[in-house]
Amino acid sequence: MSFELRTPRELQRDLARRFKTRRLALNLTQEGLAARAGVSWSSLKRFEHTGLIALEALLRLALVLGCLRDFDRVAADDGPGLGRKSLDEILREPKVRQKGRIK
């Protein structure tokens, strides 16, 4: 099984980079996007630099950028038994040695 664990901070910054890339692809300025989304320019600027933003403001930006539907999958209930493990289950698994200690 292959998976990637990222910190919430890393996810915030990555999301901010993707939103900025999408904004630029649509040739929108920060001021233009903020005005269309009903979000303050300073909130958008902070989001693009730090990844910090209120959820409602993030959803408004997503609406204007045409990616609001992407949020439908967040915390979706796909039912039990789809091969996913919780973090606790992963941490309880025995560790496999990668190196020997005897020379």
PDB file of N, CA and C in Angstrom:
ATOM      1  N   MET A   1       0.847  -1.170   0.000  1.00  0.00           N
ATOM      2  CA  MET A   1       0.000   0.000   0.000  1.00  0.00           C
ATOM      3  C   MET A   1       0.893   1.234   0.000  1.00  0.00           C
ATOM      4  N   SER A   2       0.534   2.202  -0.799  1.00  0.00           N
ATOM      5  CA  SER A   2       1.295   3.432  -0.888  1.00  0.00           C
ATOM      6  C   SER A   2       0.417   4.595  -0.434  1.00  0.00           C
ATOM      7  N   PHE A   3       0.952   5.425   0.423  1.00  0.00           N
ATOM      8  CA  PHE A   3       0.212   6.591   0.875  1.00  0.00           C
ATOM      9  C   PHE A   3       1.199   7.681   1.240  1.00  0.00           C
ATOM     10  N   GLU A   4       0.684   8.864   1.299  1.00  0.00           N
ATOM     11  CA  GLU A   4       1.506  10.018   1.622  1.00  0.00           C
ATOM     12  C   GLU A   4       0.847  10.761   2.768  1.00  0.00           C
ATOM     13  N   LEU A   5       1.589  10.978   3.810  1.00  0.00           N
ATOM     14  CA  LEU A   5       1.076  11.768   4.923  1.00  0.00           C
ATOM     15  C   LEU A   5       1.691  13.155   4.853  1.00  0.00           C
ATOM     16  N   ARG A   6       0.829  14.142   4.848  1.00  0.00           N
ATOM     17  CA  ARG A   6       1.304  15.526   4.873  1.00  0.00           C
ATOM     18  C   ARG A   6       0.666  16.209   6.064  1.00  0.00           C
ATOM     19  N   THR A   7       1.326  17.196   6.555  1.00  0.00           N
ATOM     20  CA  THR A   7       0.794  17.936   7.685  1.00  0.00           C
ATOM     21  C   THR A   7      -0.320  18.865   7.199  1.00  0.00           C
ATOM     22  N   PRO A   8      -1.206  19.259   8.087  1.00  0.00           N
ATOM     23  CA  PRO A   8      -2.229  20.233   7.695  1.00  0.00           C
ATOM     24  C   PRO A   8      -1.619  21.503   7.108  1.00  0.00           C
ATOM     25  N   ARG A   9      -0.504  21.927   7.655  1.00  0.00           N
ATOM     26  CA  ARG A   9       0.160  23.136   7.159  1.00  0.00           C
ATOM     27  C   ARG A   9       0.601  22.965   5.704  1.00  0.00           C
ATOM     28  N   GLU A  10       1.173  21.781   5.405  1.00  0.00           N
ATOM     29  CA  GLU A  10       1.605  21.509   4.032  1.00  0.00           C
ATOM     30  C   GLU A  10       0.410  21.480   3.082  1.00  0.00           C
ATOM     31  N   LEU A  11      -0.682  20.895   3.523  1.00  0.00           N
ATOM     32  CA  LEU A  11      -1.890  20.859   2.697  1.00  0.00           C
ATOM     33  C   LEU A  11      -2.434  22.259   2.454  1.00  0.00           C
ATOM     34  N   GLN A  12      -2.411  23.101   3.485  1.00  0.00           N
ATOM     35  CA  GLN A  12      -2.890  24.483   3.330  1.00  0.00           C
ATOM     36  C   GLN A  12      -2.077  25.210   2.270  1.00  0.00           C
ATOM     37  N   ARG A  13      -0.770  25.095   2.362  1.00  0.00           N
ATOM     38  CA  ARG A  13       0.097  25.801   1.410  1.00  0.00           C
ATOM     39  C   ARG A  13      -0.080  25.265  -0.006  1.00  0.00           C
ATOM     40  N   ASP A  14      -0.228  23.944  -0.130  1.00  0.00           N
ATOM     41  CA  ASP A  14      -0.432  23.346  -1.445  1.00  0.00           C
ATOM     42  C   ASP A  14      -1.759  23.809  -2.041  1.00  0.00           C
ATOM     43  N   LEU A  15      -2.799  23.830  -1.234  1.00  0.00           N
ATOM     44  CA  LEU A  15      -4.096  24.292  -1.698  1.00  0.00           C
ATOM     45  C   LEU A  15      -4.025  25.753  -2.136  1.00  0.00           C
ATOM     46  N   ALA A  16      -3.331  26.572  -1.373  1.00  0.00           N
ATOM     47  CA  ALA A  16      -3.170  27.986  -1.728  1.00  0.00           C
ATOM     48  C   ALA A  16      -2.431  28.127  -3.057  1.00  0.00           C
ATOM     49  N   ARG A  17      -1.395  27.312  -3.272  1.00  0.00           N
ATOM     50  CA  ARG A  17      -0.662  27.359  -4.544  1.00  0.00           C
ATOM     51  C   ARG A  17      -1.569  26.965  -5.715  1.00  0.00           C
ATOM     52  N   ARG A  18      -2.393  25.935  -5.509  1.00  0.00           N
ATOM     53  CA  ARG A  18      -3.290  25.503  -6.581  1.00  0.00           C
ATOM     54  C   ARG A  18      -4.336  26.566  -6.898  1.00  0.00           C
ATOM     55  N   PHE A  19      -4.859  27.224  -5.870  1.00  0.00           N
ATOM     56  CA  PHE A  19      -5.837  28.291  -6.100  1.00  0.00           C
ATOM     57  C   PHE A  19      -5.186  29.459  -6.844  1.00  0.00           C
ATOM     58  N   LYS A  20      -3.970  29.810  -6.459  1.00  0.00           N
ATOM     59  CA  LYS A  20      -3.273  30.905  -7.134  1.00  0.00           C
ATOM     60  C   LYS A  20      -3.015  30.552  -8.600  1.00  0.00           C
ATOM     61  N   THR A  21      -2.575  29.322  -8.852  1.00  0.00           N
ATOM     62  CA  THR A  21      -2.323  28.875 -10.224  1.00  0.00           C
ATOM     63  C   THR A  21      -3.594  28.943 -11.057  1.00  0.00           C
ATOM     64  N   ARG A  22      -4.707  28.533 -10.462  1.00  0.00           N
ATOM     65  CA  ARG A  22      -6.000  28.570 -11.162  1.00  0.00           C
ATOM     66  C   ARG A  22      -6.418  30.017 -11.434  1.00  0.00           C
ATOM     67  N   ARG A  23      -6.210  30.893 -10.448  1.00  0.00           N
ATOM     68  CA  ARG A  23      -6.536  32.313 -10.626  1.00  0.00           C
ATOM     69  C   ARG A  23      -5.744  32.901 -11.783  1.00  0.00           C
ATOM     70  N   LEU A  24      -4.451  32.601 -11.822  1.00  0.00           N
ATOM     71  CA  LEU A  24      -3.600  33.139 -12.880  1.00  0.00           C
ATOM     72  C   LEU A  24      -3.963  32.548 -14.244  1.00  0.00           C
ATOM     73  N   ALA A  25      -4.345  31.274 -14.275  1.00  0.00           N
ATOM     74  CA  ALA A  25      -4.758  30.648 -15.537  1.00  0.00           C
ATOM     75  C   ALA A  25      -6.011  31.316 -16.096  1.00  0.00           C
ATOM     76  N   LEU A  26      -6.849  31.827 -15.202  1.00  0.00           N
ATOM     77  CA  LEU A  26      -8.052  32.547 -15.625  1.00  0.00           C
ATOM     78  C   LEU A  26      -7.782  34.035 -15.838  1.00  0.00           C
ATOM     79  N   ASN A  27      -6.510  34.420 -15.690  1.00  0.00           N
ATOM     80  CA  ASN A  27      -6.063  35.802 -15.907  1.00  0.00           C
ATOM     81  C   ASN A  27      -6.762  36.798 -14.984  1.00  0.00           C
ATOM     82  N   LEU A  28      -6.999  36.382 -13.742  1.00  0.00           N
ATOM     83  CA  LEU A  28      -7.626  37.261 -12.756  1.00  0.00           C
ATOM     84  C   LEU A  28      -6.569  37.838 -11.814  1.00  0.00           C
ATOM     85  N   THR A  29      -6.735  39.090 -11.464  1.00  0.00           N
ATOM     86  CA  THR A  29      -5.890  39.674 -10.435  1.00  0.00           C
ATOM     87  C   THR A  29      -6.429  39.257  -9.067  1.00  0.00           C
ATOM     88  N   GLN A  30      -5.629  39.455  -8.041  1.00  0.00           N
ATOM     89  CA  GLN A  30      -6.113  39.181  -6.685  1.00  0.00           C
ATOM     90  C   GLN A  30      -7.333  40.044  -6.391  1.00  0.00           C
ATOM     91  N   GLU A  31      -7.253  41.311  -6.760  1.00  0.00           N
ATOM     92  CA  GLU A  31      -8.358  42.224  -6.501  1.00  0.00           C
ATOM     93  C   GLU A  31      -9.616  41.798  -7.242  1.00  0.00           C
ATOM     94  N   GLY A  32      -9.461  41.356  -8.491  1.00  0.00           N
ATOM     95  CA  GLY A  32     -10.600  40.934  -9.288  1.00  0.00           C
ATOM     96  C   GLY A  32     -11.270  39.690  -8.724  1.00  0.00           C
ATOM     97  N   LEU A  33     -10.460  38.704  -8.340  1.00  0.00           N
ATOM     98  CA  LEU A  33     -11.020  37.483  -7.763  1.00  0.00           C
ATOM     99  C   LEU A  33     -11.701  37.782  -6.439  1.00  0.00           C
ATOM    100  N   ALA A  34     -11.049  38.575  -5.605  1.00  0.00           N
ATOM    101  CA  ALA A  34     -11.624  38.909  -4.299  1.00  0.00           C
ATOM    102  C   ALA A  34     -12.974  39.602  -4.465  1.00  0.00           C
ATOM    103  N   ALA A  35     -13.065  40.548  -5.378  1.00  0.00           N
ATOM    104  CA  ALA A  35     -14.312  41.275  -5.604  1.00  0.00           C
ATOM    105  C   ALA A  35     -15.411  40.342  -6.119  1.00  0.00           C
ATOM    106  N   ARG A  36     -15.082  39.476  -7.059  1.00  0.00           N
ATOM    107  CA  ARG A  36     -16.081  38.555  -7.615  1.00  0.00           C
ATOM    108  C   ARG A  36     -16.569  37.554  -6.572  1.00  0.00           C
ATOM    109  N   ALA A  37     -15.678  37.165  -5.654  1.00  0.00           N
ATOM    110  CA  ALA A  37     -16.036  36.165  -4.639  1.00  0.00           C
ATOM    111  C   ALA A  37     -16.654  36.788  -3.395  1.00  0.00           C
ATOM    112  N   GLY A  38     -16.582  38.109  -3.279  1.00  0.00           N
ATOM    113  CA  GLY A  38     -17.102  38.755  -2.071  1.00  0.00           C
ATOM    114  C   GLY A  38     -16.205  38.504  -0.867  1.00  0.00           C
ATOM    115  N   VAL A  39     -14.912  38.393  -1.137  1.00  0.00           N
ATOM    116  CA  VAL A  39     -13.908  38.149  -0.094  1.00  0.00           C
ATOM    117  C   VAL A  39     -12.995  39.364  -0.083  1.00  0.00           C
ATOM    118  N   SER A  40     -12.518  39.740   1.075  1.00  0.00           N
ATOM    119  CA  SER A  40     -11.622  40.896   1.113  1.00  0.00           C
ATOM    120  C   SER A  40     -10.302  40.554   0.429  1.00  0.00           C
ATOM    121  N   TRP A  41      -9.723  41.580  -0.192  1.00  0.00           N
ATOM    122  CA  TRP A  41      -8.449  41.399  -0.876  1.00  0.00           C
ATOM    123  C   TRP A  41      -7.374  40.934   0.100  1.00  0.00           C
ATOM    124  N   SER A  42      -7.397  41.467   1.318  1.00  0.00           N
ATOM    125  CA  SER A  42      -6.377  41.080   2.296  1.00  0.00           C
ATOM    126  C   SER A  42      -6.509  39.604   2.689  1.00  0.00           C
ATOM    127  N   SER A  43      -7.742  39.085   2.745  1.00  0.00           N
ATOM    128  CA  SER A  43      -7.940  37.661   3.046  1.00  0.00           C
ATOM    129  C   SER A  43      -7.373  36.788   1.932  1.00  0.00           C
ATOM    130  N   LEU A  44      -7.628  37.179   0.687  1.00  0.00           N
ATOM    131  CA  LEU A  44      -7.097  36.424  -0.446  1.00  0.00           C
ATOM    132  C   LEU A  44      -5.570  36.484  -0.467  1.00  0.00           C
ATOM    133  N   LYS A  45      -5.036  37.653  -0.232  1.00  0.00           N
ATOM    134  CA  LYS A  45      -3.579  37.825  -0.219  1.00  0.00           C
ATOM    135  C   LYS A  45      -2.951  36.954   0.870  1.00  0.00           C
ATOM    136  N   ARG A  46      -3.530  36.968   2.060  1.00  0.00           N
ATOM    137  CA  ARG A  46      -3.024  36.139   3.161  1.00  0.00           C
ATOM    138  C   ARG A  46      -3.123  34.660   2.806  1.00  0.00           C
ATOM    139  N   PHE A  47      -4.239  34.258   2.198  1.00  0.00           N
ATOM    140  CA  PHE A  47      -4.418  32.869   1.799  1.00  0.00           C
ATOM    141  C   PHE A  47      -3.333  32.437   0.817  1.00  0.00           C
ATOM    142  N   GLU A  48      -3.084  33.235  -0.193  1.00  0.00           N
ATOM    143  CA  GLU A  48      -2.083  32.861  -1.192  1.00  0.00           C
ATOM    144  C   GLU A  48      -0.673  32.814  -0.626  1.00  0.00           C
ATOM    145  N   HIS A  49      -0.412  33.557   0.438  1.00  0.00           N
ATOM    146  CA  HIS A  49       0.931  33.563   1.034  1.00  0.00           C
ATOM    147  C   HIS A  49       1.095  32.563   2.167  1.00  0.00           C
ATOM    148  N   THR A  50       0.030  32.290   2.913  1.00  0.00           N
ATOM    149  CA  THR A  50       0.170  31.445   4.106  1.00  0.00           C
ATOM    150  C   THR A  50      -0.708  30.197   4.078  1.00  0.00           C
ATOM    151  N   GLY A  51      -1.753  30.219   3.263  1.00  0.00           N
ATOM    152  CA  GLY A  51      -2.698  29.102   3.248  1.00  0.00           C
ATOM    153  C   GLY A  51      -3.820  29.260   4.256  1.00  0.00           C
ATOM    154  N   LEU A  52      -3.835  30.341   5.007  1.00  0.00           N
ATOM    155  CA  LEU A  52      -4.858  30.562   6.028  1.00  0.00           C
ATOM    156  C   LEU A  52      -6.037  31.341   5.452  1.00  0.00           C
ATOM    157  N   ILE A  53      -7.258  30.788   5.665  1.00  0.00           N
ATOM    158  CA  ILE A  53      -8.465  31.448   5.175  1.00  0.00           C
ATOM    159  C   ILE A  53      -9.673  30.819   5.864  1.00  0.00           C
ATOM    160  N   ALA A  54     -10.730  31.579   6.012  1.00  0.00           N
ATOM    161  CA  ALA A  54     -11.975  31.048   6.576  1.00  0.00           C
ATOM    162  C   ALA A  54     -12.621  30.112   5.557  1.00  0.00           C
ATOM    163  N   LEU A  55     -13.305  29.096   6.042  1.00  0.00           N
ATOM    164  CA  LEU A  55     -13.917  28.105   5.160  1.00  0.00           C
ATOM    165  C   LEU A  55     -14.896  28.746   4.185  1.00  0.00           C
ATOM    166  N   GLU A  56     -15.752  29.629   4.661  1.00  0.00           N
ATOM    167  CA  GLU A  56     -16.730  30.262   3.762  1.00  0.00           C
ATOM    168  C   GLU A  56     -16.025  31.046   2.658  1.00  0.00           C
ATOM    169  N   ALA A  57     -14.963  31.743   2.997  1.00  0.00           N
ATOM    170  CA  ALA A  57     -14.216  32.503   1.989  1.00  0.00           C
ATOM    171  C   ALA A  57     -13.570  31.553   0.984  1.00  0.00           C
ATOM    172  N   LEU A  58     -13.045  30.439   1.455  1.00  0.00           N
ATOM    173  CA  LEU A  58     -12.441  29.452   0.565  1.00  0.00           C
ATOM    174  C   LEU A  58     -13.471  28.907  -0.420  1.00  0.00           C
ATOM    175  N   LEU A  59     -14.657  28.608   0.079  1.00  0.00           N
ATOM    176  CA  LEU A  59     -15.714  28.083  -0.783  1.00  0.00           C
ATOM    177  C   LEU A  59     -16.187  29.120  -1.798  1.00  0.00           C
ATOM    178  N   ARG A  60     -16.220  30.381  -1.395  1.00  0.00           N
ATOM    179  CA  ARG A  60     -16.594  31.450  -2.329  1.00  0.00           C
ATOM    180  C   ARG A  60     -15.567  31.576  -3.451  1.00  0.00           C
ATOM    181  N   LEU A  61     -14.282  31.475  -3.084  1.00  0.00           N
ATOM    182  CA  LEU A  61     -13.223  31.522  -4.092  1.00  0.00           C
ATOM    183  C   LEU A  61     -13.341  30.328  -5.041  1.00  0.00           C
ATOM    184  N   ALA A  62     -13.606  29.158  -4.475  1.00  0.00           N
ATOM    185  CA  ALA A  62     -13.753  27.949  -5.288  1.00  0.00           C
ATOM    186  C   ALA A  62     -14.914  28.090  -6.271  1.00  0.00           C
ATOM    187  N   LEU A  63     -15.989  28.714  -5.845  1.00  0.00           N
ATOM    188  CA  LEU A  63     -17.139  28.930  -6.724  1.00  0.00           C
ATOM    189  C   LEU A  63     -16.741  29.777  -7.931  1.00  0.00           C
ATOM    190  N   VAL A  64     -16.059  30.874  -7.673  1.00  0.00           N
ATOM    191  CA  VAL A  64     -15.647  31.767  -8.762  1.00  0.00           C
ATOM    192  C   VAL A  64     -14.621  31.080  -9.665  1.00  0.00           C
ATOM    193  N   LEU A  65     -13.747  30.275  -9.091  1.00  0.00           N
ATOM    194  CA  LEU A  65     -12.704  29.614  -9.874  1.00  0.00           C
ATOM    195  C   LEU A  65     -13.185  28.322 -10.543  1.00  0.00           C
ATOM    196  N   GLY A  66     -14.454  27.972 -10.306  1.00  0.00           N
ATOM    197  CA  GLY A  66     -15.029  26.808 -10.967  1.00  0.00           C
ATOM    198  C   GLY A  66     -14.603  25.473 -10.398  1.00  0.00           C
ATOM    199  N   CYS A  67     -14.250  25.442  -9.121  1.00  0.00           N
ATOM    200  CA  CYS A  67     -13.822  24.173  -8.528  1.00  0.00           C
ATOM    201  C   CYS A  67     -14.568  23.857  -7.234  1.00  0.00           C
ATOM    202  N   LEU A  68     -15.744  24.430  -7.059  1.00  0.00           N
ATOM    203  CA  LEU A  68     -16.528  24.187  -5.851  1.00  0.00           C
ATOM    204  C   LEU A  68     -16.919  22.717  -5.715  1.00  0.00           C
ATOM    205  N   ARG A  69     -17.208  22.051  -6.827  1.00  0.00           N
ATOM    206  CA  ARG A  69     -17.599  20.632  -6.787  1.00  0.00           C
ATOM    207  C   ARG A  69     -16.512  19.743  -6.188  1.00  0.00           C
ATOM    208  N   ASP A  70     -15.261  20.161  -6.264  1.00  0.00           N
ATOM    209  CA  ASP A  70     -14.167  19.364  -5.701  1.00  0.00           C
ATOM    210  C   ASP A  70     -14.360  19.135  -4.211  1.00  0.00           C
ATOM    211  N   PHE A  71     -15.077  20.021  -3.554  1.00  0.00           N
ATOM    212  CA  PHE A  71     -15.278  19.911  -2.112  1.00  0.00           C
ATOM    213  C   PHE A  71     -16.348  18.882  -1.751  1.00  0.00           C
ATOM    214  N   ASP A  72     -17.080  18.378  -2.737  1.00  0.00           N
ATOM    215  CA  ASP A  72     -18.086  17.349  -2.476  1.00  0.00           C
ATOM    216  C   ASP A  72     -17.477  16.067  -1.929  1.00  0.00           C
ATOM    217  N   ARG A  73     -16.226  15.792  -2.231  1.00  0.00           N
ATOM    218  CA  ARG A  73     -15.575  14.557  -1.813  1.00  0.00           C
ATOM    219  C   ARG A  73     -14.950  14.653  -0.423  1.00  0.00           C
ATOM    220  N   VAL A  74     -14.824  15.828   0.130  1.00  0.00           N
ATOM    221  CA  VAL A  74     -14.203  15.992   1.445  1.00  0.00           C
ATOM    222  C   VAL A  74     -15.062  15.297   2.498  1.00  0.00           C
ATOM    223  N   ALA A  75     -14.462  14.373   3.211  1.00  0.00           N
ATOM    224  CA  ALA A  75     -15.121  13.625   4.293  1.00  0.00           C
ATOM    225  C   ALA A  75     -16.367  12.882   3.824  1.00  0.00           C
ATOM    226  N   ALA A  76     -16.357  12.441   2.564  1.00  0.00           N
ATOM    227  CA  ALA A  76     -17.502  11.690   2.031  1.00  0.00           C
ATOM    228  C   ALA A  76     -17.567  10.323   2.690  1.00  0.00           C
ATOM    229  N   ASP A  77     -18.772   9.833   2.895  1.00  0.00           N
ATOM    230  CA  ASP A  77     -18.982   8.522   3.496  1.00  0.00           C
ATOM    231  C   ASP A  77     -19.048   7.491   2.381  1.00  0.00           C
ATOM    232  N   ASP A  78     -17.947   6.793   2.178  1.00  0.00           N
ATOM    233  CA  ASP A  78     -17.879   5.778   1.131  1.00  0.00           C
ATOM    234  C   ASP A  78     -18.231   4.390   1.641  1.00  0.00           C
ATOM    235  N   GLY A  79     -18.637   4.307   2.898  1.00  0.00           N
ATOM    236  CA  GLY A  79     -18.985   3.007   3.459  1.00  0.00           C
ATOM    237  C   GLY A  79     -17.763   2.298   4.028  1.00  0.00           C
ATOM    238  N   PRO A  80     -18.009   1.268   4.802  1.00  0.00           N
ATOM    239  CA  PRO A  80     -16.917   0.544   5.454  1.00  0.00           C
ATOM    240  C   PRO A  80     -16.204  -0.409   4.506  1.00  0.00           C
ATOM    241  N   GLY A  81     -14.999  -0.772   4.899  1.00  0.00           N
ATOM    242  CA  GLY A  81     -14.280  -1.853   4.244  1.00  0.00           C
ATOM    243  C   GLY A  81     -13.743  -1.572   2.854  1.00  0.00           C
ATOM    244  N   LEU A  82     -13.293  -0.365   2.603  1.00  0.00           N
ATOM    245  CA  LEU A  82     -12.743  -0.078   1.288  1.00  0.00           C
ATOM    246  C   LEU A  82     -11.218  -0.085   1.298  1.00  0.00           C
ATOM    247  N   GLY A  83     -10.643  -0.798   2.258  1.00  0.00           N
ATOM    248  CA  GLY A  83      -9.196  -0.939   2.287  1.00  0.00           C
ATOM    249  C   GLY A  83      -8.453   0.238   2.883  1.00  0.00           C
ATOM    250  N   ARG A  84      -9.156   1.175   3.442  1.00  0.00           N
ATOM    251  CA  ARG A  84      -8.498   2.324   4.053  1.00  0.00           C
ATOM    252  C   ARG A  84      -8.217   2.040   5.513  1.00  0.00           C
ATOM    253  N   LYS A  85      -7.110   2.547   5.983  1.00  0.00           N
ATOM    254  CA  LYS A  85      -6.754   2.378   7.379  1.00  0.00           C
ATOM    255  C   LYS A  85      -6.703   3.741   8.044  1.00  0.00           C
ATOM    256  N   SER A  86      -7.073   3.756   9.309  1.00  0.00           N
ATOM    257  CA  SER A  86      -6.960   4.996  10.065  1.00  0.00           C
ATOM    258  C   SER A  86      -5.492   5.191  10.447  1.00  0.00           C
ATOM    259  N   LEU A  87      -5.161   6.381  10.864  1.00  0.00           N
ATOM    260  CA  LEU A  87      -3.800   6.663  11.304  1.00  0.00           C
ATOM    261  C   LEU A  87      -3.439   5.790  12.496  1.00  0.00           C
ATOM    262  N   ASP A  88      -4.388   5.576  13.403  1.00  0.00           N
ATOM    263  CA  ASP A  88      -4.129   4.710  14.558  1.00  0.00           C
ATOM    264  C   ASP A  88      -3.790   3.288  14.119  1.00  0.00           C
ATOM    265  N   GLU A  89      -4.499   2.765  13.136  1.00  0.00           N
ATOM    266  CA  GLU A  89      -4.219   1.411  12.633  1.00  0.00           C
ATOM    267  C   GLU A  89      -2.832   1.330  12.000  1.00  0.00           C
ATOM    268  N   ILE A  90      -2.474   2.350  11.269  1.00  0.00           N
ATOM    269  CA  ILE A  90      -1.160   2.381  10.629  1.00  0.00           C
ATOM    270  C   ILE A  90      -0.057   2.426  11.679  1.00  0.00           C
ATOM    271  N   LEU A  91      -0.253   3.236  12.715  1.00  0.00           N
ATOM    272  CA  LEU A  91       0.769   3.360  13.754  1.00  0.00           C
ATOM    273  C   LEU A  91       0.904   2.093  14.595  1.00  0.00           C
ATOM    274  N   ARG A  92      -0.155   1.299  14.692  1.00  0.00           N
ATOM    275  CA  ARG A  92      -0.107   0.054  15.467  1.00  0.00           C
ATOM    276  C   ARG A  92       0.591  -1.084  14.723  1.00  0.00           C
ATOM    277  N   GLU A  93       0.743  -0.947  13.417  1.00  0.00           N
ATOM    278  CA  GLU A  93       1.382  -2.013  12.648  1.00  0.00           C
ATOM    279  C   GLU A  93       2.828  -2.170  13.100  1.00  0.00           C
ATOM    280  N   PRO A  94       3.314  -3.434  13.165  1.00  0.00           N
ATOM    281  CA  PRO A  94       4.706  -3.640  13.581  1.00  0.00           C
ATOM    282  C   PRO A  94       5.671  -3.041  12.566  1.00  0.00           C
ATOM    283  N   LYS A  95       6.752  -2.507  13.085  1.00  0.00           N
ATOM    284  CA  LYS A  95       7.755  -1.897  12.214  1.00  0.00           C
ATOM    285  C   LYS A  95       8.636  -2.990  11.623  1.00  0.00           C
ATOM    286  N   VAL A  96       8.961  -2.846  10.365  1.00  0.00           N
ATOM    287  CA  VAL A  96       9.837  -3.787   9.677  1.00  0.00           C
ATOM    288  C   VAL A  96      11.231  -3.190   9.640  1.00  0.00           C
ATOM    289  N   ARG A  97      12.207  -3.974  10.067  1.00  0.00           N
ATOM    290  CA  ARG A  97      13.596  -3.497  10.075  1.00  0.00           C
ATOM    291  C   ARG A  97      14.059  -3.189   8.667  1.00  0.00           C
ATOM    292  N   GLN A  98      14.768  -2.090   8.532  1.00  0.00           N
ATOM    293  CA  GLN A  98      15.325  -1.699   7.250  1.00  0.00           C
ATOM    294  C   GLN A  98      16.826  -1.963   7.175  1.00  0.00           C
ATOM    295  N   LYS A  99      17.476  -2.097   8.364  1.00  0.00           N
ATOM    296  CA  LYS A  99      18.920  -2.310   8.422  1.00  0.00           C
ATOM    297  C   LYS A  99      19.226  -3.254   9.555  1.00  0.00           C
ATOM    298  N   GLY A 100      20.317  -3.980   9.394  1.00  0.00           N
ATOM    299  CA  GLY A 100      20.807  -4.795  10.487  1.00  0.00           C
ATOM    300  C   GLY A 100      21.694  -3.955  11.404  1.00  0.00           C
ATOM    301  N   ARG A 101      21.916  -4.452  12.633  1.00  0.00           N
ATOM    302  CA  ARG A 101      22.755  -3.689  13.566  1.00  0.00           C
ATOM    303  C   ARG A 101      24.116  -4.322  13.759  1.00  0.00           C
ATOM    304  N   ILE A 102      24.294  -5.562  13.367  1.00  0.00           N
ATOM    305  CA  ILE A 102      25.552  -6.252  13.590  1.00  0.00           C
ATOM    306  C   ILE A 102      26.444  -6.085  12.374  1.00  0.00           C
ATOM    307  N   LYS A 103      27.714  -5.696  12.634  1.00  0.00           N
ATOM    308  CA  LYS A 103      28.685  -5.498  11.545  1.00  0.00           C
ATOM    309  C   LYS A 103      29.474  -6.754  11.326  1.00  0.00           C
TER     310      LYS A 103
END
